[in-house]
Structures are given as C-alpha cells and as structure tokens.
C-alpha cells in the first residue's frame, strides 16, 4: 500500500502549484485617442470592470494605462476590448509585459 500511495501523493503535490498559482501580469497600453481630462477616468472605469483586473493607472500625459491583472481570469485581449468598447482602442507597448 505504501508503494502505491507514495507516487500518487507525489503526483498530487506536483499538480497543486500549477493549479493554484495565479500568474499576475502587468502591461502598459498605448491609448492615443485620450484627449481630455475625463478620458483616463473613463478608461479606468471600463478596465476595472473586467474580472481579474487588480489595478489600473491611466494617464493623459503619457496617453497610456498600466494594468495589473490575473491572467487565469482574464486576458490582454479582453482588457483591450474593454477600452475599445468605451471608444479608446489600445495597443500593447512592446516590451512592457512583465510577469
């Protein structure tokens, strides 16, 4: 019985970290269509509603937003769709994706 139980417990132990560990991602999005002081607030409100988004910082000065999200709950594409849905298409700033 012990010989059978050991491999099963080892396999279960190896699977648990991959299942329970959320991968937090931070991305910077270019949002060139932001033109007024209210634009960053609109972008932030839209992106914050996406399940899995932990924080959003949108700035008019840089025409960008920094988004921290759990990639087990949402994706970059869903976040970009949220900005587009409120009239602000966004693109990933290359090299800004941080694990």
N, C-alpha and C. Protein backbone atom coordinates (compact mmCIF):
# COMPACT_ATOMS: atom_id res chain seq x y z
N UNK A 1 0.82 -1.20 0.00
CA UNK A 1 0.00 0.00 0.00
C UNK A 1 0.86 1.26 0.00
N UNK A 2 1.95 1.24 0.78
CA UNK A 2 2.82 2.40 0.86
C UNK A 2 3.46 2.70 -0.50
N UNK A 3 3.82 1.64 -1.24
CA UNK A 3 4.43 1.83 -2.56
C UNK A 3 3.45 2.47 -3.54
N UNK A 4 2.20 2.19 -3.40
CA UNK A 4 1.18 2.75 -4.27
C UNK A 4 0.85 4.19 -3.89
N UNK A 5 0.80 4.47 -2.62
CA UNK A 5 0.42 5.78 -2.13
C UNK A 5 1.48 6.86 -2.39
N UNK A 6 2.74 6.51 -2.30
CA UNK A 6 3.82 7.48 -2.48
C UNK A 6 3.78 8.15 -3.86
N UNK A 7 3.71 7.40 -4.97
CA UNK A 7 3.65 8.08 -6.28
C UNK A 7 2.39 8.93 -6.47
N UNK A 8 1.29 8.48 -5.89
CA UNK A 8 0.05 9.25 -6.02
C UNK A 8 0.16 10.57 -5.28
N UNK A 9 0.68 10.54 -4.06
CA UNK A 9 0.86 11.77 -3.30
C UNK A 9 1.86 12.71 -3.96
N UNK A 10 2.93 12.16 -4.52
CA UNK A 10 3.92 12.98 -5.21
C UNK A 10 3.29 13.67 -6.42
N UNK A 11 2.52 12.92 -7.20
CA UNK A 11 1.86 13.49 -8.38
C UNK A 11 0.88 14.60 -7.97
N UNK A 12 0.13 14.36 -6.91
CA UNK A 12 -0.82 15.37 -6.44
C UNK A 12 -0.09 16.62 -5.97
N UNK A 13 1.01 16.45 -5.28
CA UNK A 13 1.80 17.58 -4.81
C UNK A 13 2.35 18.40 -5.97
N UNK A 14 2.77 17.74 -7.04
CA UNK A 14 3.33 18.43 -8.20
C UNK A 14 2.25 19.20 -8.97
N UNK A 15 1.03 18.73 -8.94
CA UNK A 15 -0.05 19.40 -9.67
C UNK A 15 -0.59 20.62 -8.94
N UNK A 16 -0.58 20.62 -7.65
CA UNK A 16 -1.18 21.70 -6.86
C UNK A 16 -0.60 23.07 -7.19
N UNK A 17 0.72 23.27 -7.24
CA UNK A 17 1.21 24.63 -7.54
C UNK A 17 0.75 25.15 -8.89
N UNK A 18 0.68 24.30 -9.90
CA UNK A 18 0.28 24.77 -11.22
C UNK A 18 -1.19 25.14 -11.28
N UNK A 19 -1.98 24.55 -10.42
CA UNK A 19 -3.41 24.84 -10.40
C UNK A 19 -3.71 26.09 -9.59
N UNK A 20 -3.05 26.24 -8.44
CA UNK A 20 -3.42 27.31 -7.53
C UNK A 20 -2.66 28.61 -7.73
N UNK A 21 -1.56 28.61 -8.44
CA UNK A 21 -0.76 29.82 -8.58
C UNK A 21 -1.28 30.68 -9.73
N UNK A 22 -1.81 31.83 -9.39
CA UNK A 22 -2.26 32.77 -10.40
C UNK A 22 -1.05 33.51 -10.94
N UNK A 23 -1.08 33.76 -12.22
CA UNK A 23 0.02 34.49 -12.83
C UNK A 23 -0.39 35.95 -12.99
N UNK A 24 0.15 36.80 -12.14
CA UNK A 24 -0.15 38.22 -12.21
C UNK A 24 0.68 38.83 -13.33
N UNK A 25 0.04 39.58 -14.17
CA UNK A 25 0.71 40.24 -15.29
C UNK A 25 0.54 41.75 -15.16
N UNK A 26 1.56 42.47 -15.60
CA UNK A 26 1.49 43.93 -15.67
C UNK A 26 1.80 44.33 -17.10
N UNK A 27 0.91 45.11 -17.70
CA UNK A 27 1.12 45.56 -19.08
C UNK A 27 0.92 47.06 -19.16
N UNK A 28 1.56 47.66 -20.14
CA UNK A 28 1.36 49.08 -20.42
C UNK A 28 0.73 49.19 -21.79
N UNK A 29 -0.40 49.87 -21.85
CA UNK A 29 -1.13 50.04 -23.09
C UNK A 29 -1.03 51.46 -23.60
N UNK A 30 -0.83 51.59 -24.89
CA UNK A 30 -0.88 52.90 -25.54
C UNK A 30 -2.33 53.18 -25.89
N UNK A 31 -2.80 54.37 -25.50
CA UNK A 31 -4.19 54.76 -25.79
C UNK A 31 -4.16 56.18 -26.36
N UNK A 32 -3.79 56.32 -27.63
CA UNK A 32 -3.59 57.65 -28.22
C UNK A 32 -4.86 58.48 -28.39
N UNK A 33 -6.03 57.86 -28.31
CA UNK A 33 -7.27 58.62 -28.51
C UNK A 33 -7.74 59.34 -27.25
N UNK A 34 -7.01 59.23 -26.14
CA UNK A 34 -7.37 60.01 -24.94
C UNK A 34 -6.96 61.46 -25.20
N UNK A 35 -7.94 62.37 -25.14
CA UNK A 35 -7.65 63.76 -25.49
C UNK A 35 -8.07 64.78 -24.43
N UNK A 36 -8.79 64.35 -23.41
CA UNK A 36 -9.23 65.30 -22.39
C UNK A 36 -9.05 64.71 -20.99
N UNK A 37 -9.28 65.54 -20.00
CA UNK A 37 -9.04 65.14 -18.61
C UNK A 37 -9.94 63.99 -18.14
N UNK A 38 -11.11 63.84 -18.74
CA UNK A 38 -12.01 62.76 -18.31
C UNK A 38 -11.69 61.41 -18.95
N UNK A 39 -10.93 61.42 -20.03
CA UNK A 39 -10.63 60.17 -20.74
C UNK A 39 -9.98 59.10 -19.85
N UNK A 40 -8.95 59.42 -19.08
CA UNK A 40 -8.35 58.38 -18.23
C UNK A 40 -9.33 57.78 -17.22
N UNK A 41 -10.26 58.59 -16.73
CA UNK A 41 -11.26 58.08 -15.78
C UNK A 41 -12.21 57.10 -16.46
N UNK A 42 -12.57 57.40 -17.70
CA UNK A 42 -13.45 56.52 -18.46
C UNK A 42 -12.75 55.19 -18.73
N UNK A 43 -11.49 55.27 -19.15
CA UNK A 43 -10.70 54.05 -19.41
C UNK A 43 -10.56 53.23 -18.13
N UNK A 44 -10.21 53.89 -17.04
CA UNK A 44 -10.03 53.18 -15.77
C UNK A 44 -11.32 52.49 -15.34
N UNK A 45 -12.43 53.19 -15.45
CA UNK A 45 -13.72 52.61 -15.06
C UNK A 45 -14.05 51.37 -15.89
N UNK A 46 -13.79 51.44 -17.19
CA UNK A 46 -14.11 50.31 -18.07
C UNK A 46 -13.22 49.11 -17.78
N UNK A 47 -11.93 49.35 -17.63
CA UNK A 47 -10.99 48.24 -17.43
C UNK A 47 -11.16 47.63 -16.04
N UNK A 48 -11.48 48.44 -15.06
CA UNK A 48 -11.68 47.94 -13.69
C UNK A 48 -12.83 46.94 -13.63
N UNK A 49 -13.80 47.06 -14.51
CA UNK A 49 -14.95 46.15 -14.53
C UNK A 49 -14.60 44.76 -15.06
N UNK A 50 -13.47 44.61 -15.71
CA UNK A 50 -13.07 43.31 -16.26
C UNK A 50 -12.65 42.40 -15.11
N UNK A 51 -13.27 41.22 -15.04
CA UNK A 51 -12.94 40.27 -13.97
C UNK A 51 -11.46 39.91 -14.04
N UNK A 52 -10.80 39.96 -12.92
CA UNK A 52 -9.38 39.61 -12.86
C UNK A 52 -8.45 40.80 -12.88
N UNK A 53 -8.96 41.98 -13.19
CA UNK A 53 -8.12 43.18 -13.18
C UNK A 53 -7.95 43.62 -11.73
N UNK A 54 -6.69 43.79 -11.33
CA UNK A 54 -6.39 44.17 -9.95
C UNK A 54 -6.19 45.67 -9.79
N UNK A 55 -5.57 46.31 -10.79
CA UNK A 55 -5.40 47.76 -10.71
C UNK A 55 -5.22 48.35 -12.10
N UNK A 56 -5.58 49.63 -12.22
CA UNK A 56 -5.45 50.36 -13.48
C UNK A 56 -4.97 51.77 -13.15
N UNK A 57 -3.96 52.21 -13.87
CA UNK A 57 -3.49 53.59 -13.75
C UNK A 57 -3.42 54.16 -15.16
N UNK A 58 -4.36 55.02 -15.50
CA UNK A 58 -4.39 55.64 -16.83
C UNK A 58 -3.95 57.09 -16.71
N UNK A 59 -3.10 57.53 -17.64
CA UNK A 59 -2.60 58.91 -17.59
C UNK A 59 -2.75 59.59 -18.94
N UNK A 60 -3.27 60.80 -18.89
CA UNK A 60 -3.43 61.60 -20.09
C UNK A 60 -2.07 62.06 -20.61
N UNK A 61 -1.16 62.38 -19.70
CA UNK A 61 0.15 62.89 -20.08
C UNK A 61 0.92 61.91 -20.96
N UNK A 62 0.81 60.62 -20.64
CA UNK A 62 1.54 59.60 -21.40
C UNK A 62 0.65 58.89 -22.42
N UNK A 63 -0.63 59.23 -22.44
CA UNK A 63 -1.60 58.56 -23.32
C UNK A 63 -1.49 57.04 -23.18
N UNK A 64 -1.48 56.60 -21.93
CA UNK A 64 -1.28 55.17 -21.67
C UNK A 64 -2.00 54.74 -20.40
N UNK A 65 -2.01 53.43 -20.21
CA UNK A 65 -2.56 52.85 -18.98
C UNK A 65 -1.69 51.67 -18.58
N UNK A 66 -1.44 51.56 -17.29
CA UNK A 66 -0.74 50.41 -16.75
C UNK A 66 -1.79 49.56 -16.05
N UNK A 67 -1.87 48.29 -16.45
CA UNK A 67 -2.90 47.40 -15.93
C UNK A 67 -2.24 46.18 -15.30
N UNK A 68 -2.66 45.87 -14.08
CA UNK A 68 -2.21 44.65 -13.40
C UNK A 68 -3.42 43.72 -13.36
N UNK A 69 -3.22 42.48 -13.84
CA UNK A 69 -4.34 41.55 -13.89
C UNK A 69 -3.89 40.12 -13.68
N UNK A 70 -4.84 39.28 -13.32
CA UNK A 70 -4.63 37.85 -13.11
C UNK A 70 -4.94 37.16 -14.44
N UNK A 71 -3.92 36.60 -15.07
CA UNK A 71 -4.14 36.02 -16.40
C UNK A 71 -4.85 34.66 -16.37
N UNK A 72 -5.19 34.18 -15.18
CA UNK A 72 -6.04 32.99 -15.12
C UNK A 72 -7.51 33.38 -15.18
N UNK A 73 -7.81 34.67 -15.00
CA UNK A 73 -9.19 35.15 -15.02
C UNK A 73 -9.51 36.00 -16.23
N UNK A 74 -8.53 36.63 -16.83
CA UNK A 74 -8.77 37.48 -17.99
C UNK A 74 -7.53 37.47 -18.88
N UNK A 75 -7.63 38.17 -19.99
CA UNK A 75 -6.52 38.22 -20.94
C UNK A 75 -6.29 39.65 -21.41
N UNK A 76 -5.16 39.86 -22.03
CA UNK A 76 -4.85 41.16 -22.61
C UNK A 76 -5.92 41.55 -23.62
N UNK A 77 -6.37 40.59 -24.41
CA UNK A 77 -7.38 40.86 -25.43
C UNK A 77 -8.69 41.36 -24.81
N UNK A 78 -9.09 40.77 -23.68
CA UNK A 78 -10.32 41.22 -23.02
C UNK A 78 -10.18 42.64 -22.48
N UNK A 79 -9.00 42.96 -21.99
CA UNK A 79 -8.75 44.31 -21.48
C UNK A 79 -8.77 45.31 -22.63
N UNK A 80 -8.14 44.95 -23.74
CA UNK A 80 -8.15 45.83 -24.91
C UNK A 80 -9.57 46.00 -25.45
N UNK A 81 -10.37 44.96 -25.39
CA UNK A 81 -11.76 45.06 -25.83
C UNK A 81 -12.54 46.03 -24.95
N UNK A 82 -12.25 46.00 -23.65
CA UNK A 82 -12.92 46.92 -22.72
C UNK A 82 -12.60 48.37 -23.05
N UNK A 83 -11.35 48.67 -23.40
CA UNK A 83 -11.00 50.05 -23.75
C UNK A 83 -11.66 50.44 -25.08
N UNK A 84 -11.68 49.51 -26.02
CA UNK A 84 -12.29 49.79 -27.32
C UNK A 84 -13.80 50.00 -27.19
N UNK A 85 -14.43 49.24 -26.31
CA UNK A 85 -15.88 49.35 -26.13
C UNK A 85 -16.32 50.72 -25.64
N UNK A 86 -15.44 51.44 -24.95
CA UNK A 86 -15.78 52.80 -24.49
C UNK A 86 -15.16 53.87 -25.38
N UNK A 87 -14.66 53.46 -26.55
CA UNK A 87 -14.18 54.42 -27.53
C UNK A 87 -12.70 54.72 -27.51
N UNK A 88 -11.93 53.89 -26.81
CA UNK A 88 -10.49 54.13 -26.70
C UNK A 88 -9.70 52.87 -27.07
N UNK A 89 -9.51 52.62 -28.36
CA UNK A 89 -8.71 51.46 -28.76
C UNK A 89 -7.31 51.54 -28.15
N UNK A 90 -6.78 50.39 -27.76
CA UNK A 90 -5.46 50.37 -27.13
C UNK A 90 -4.58 49.30 -27.75
N UNK A 91 -3.28 49.53 -27.66
CA UNK A 91 -2.31 48.54 -28.14
C UNK A 91 -1.25 48.35 -27.06
N UNK A 92 -0.73 47.15 -27.02
CA UNK A 92 0.33 46.84 -26.07
C UNK A 92 1.59 47.58 -26.47
N UNK A 93 2.21 48.24 -25.52
CA UNK A 93 3.51 48.87 -25.78
C UNK A 93 4.53 47.75 -25.69
N UNK A 94 5.20 47.47 -26.80
CA UNK A 94 6.14 46.35 -26.87
C UNK A 94 7.17 46.43 -25.76
N UNK A 95 7.43 45.28 -25.16
CA UNK A 95 8.42 45.21 -24.10
C UNK A 95 7.89 45.63 -22.75
N UNK A 96 6.60 45.93 -22.67
CA UNK A 96 6.06 46.39 -21.39
C UNK A 96 5.45 45.27 -20.57
N UNK A 97 5.34 44.08 -21.16
CA UNK A 97 4.72 42.97 -20.44
C UNK A 97 5.69 42.42 -19.42
N UNK A 98 5.29 42.44 -18.16
CA UNK A 98 6.14 41.98 -17.07
C UNK A 98 5.40 40.87 -16.34
N UNK A 99 6.09 39.78 -16.08
CA UNK A 99 5.45 38.66 -15.37
C UNK A 99 5.37 38.94 -13.90
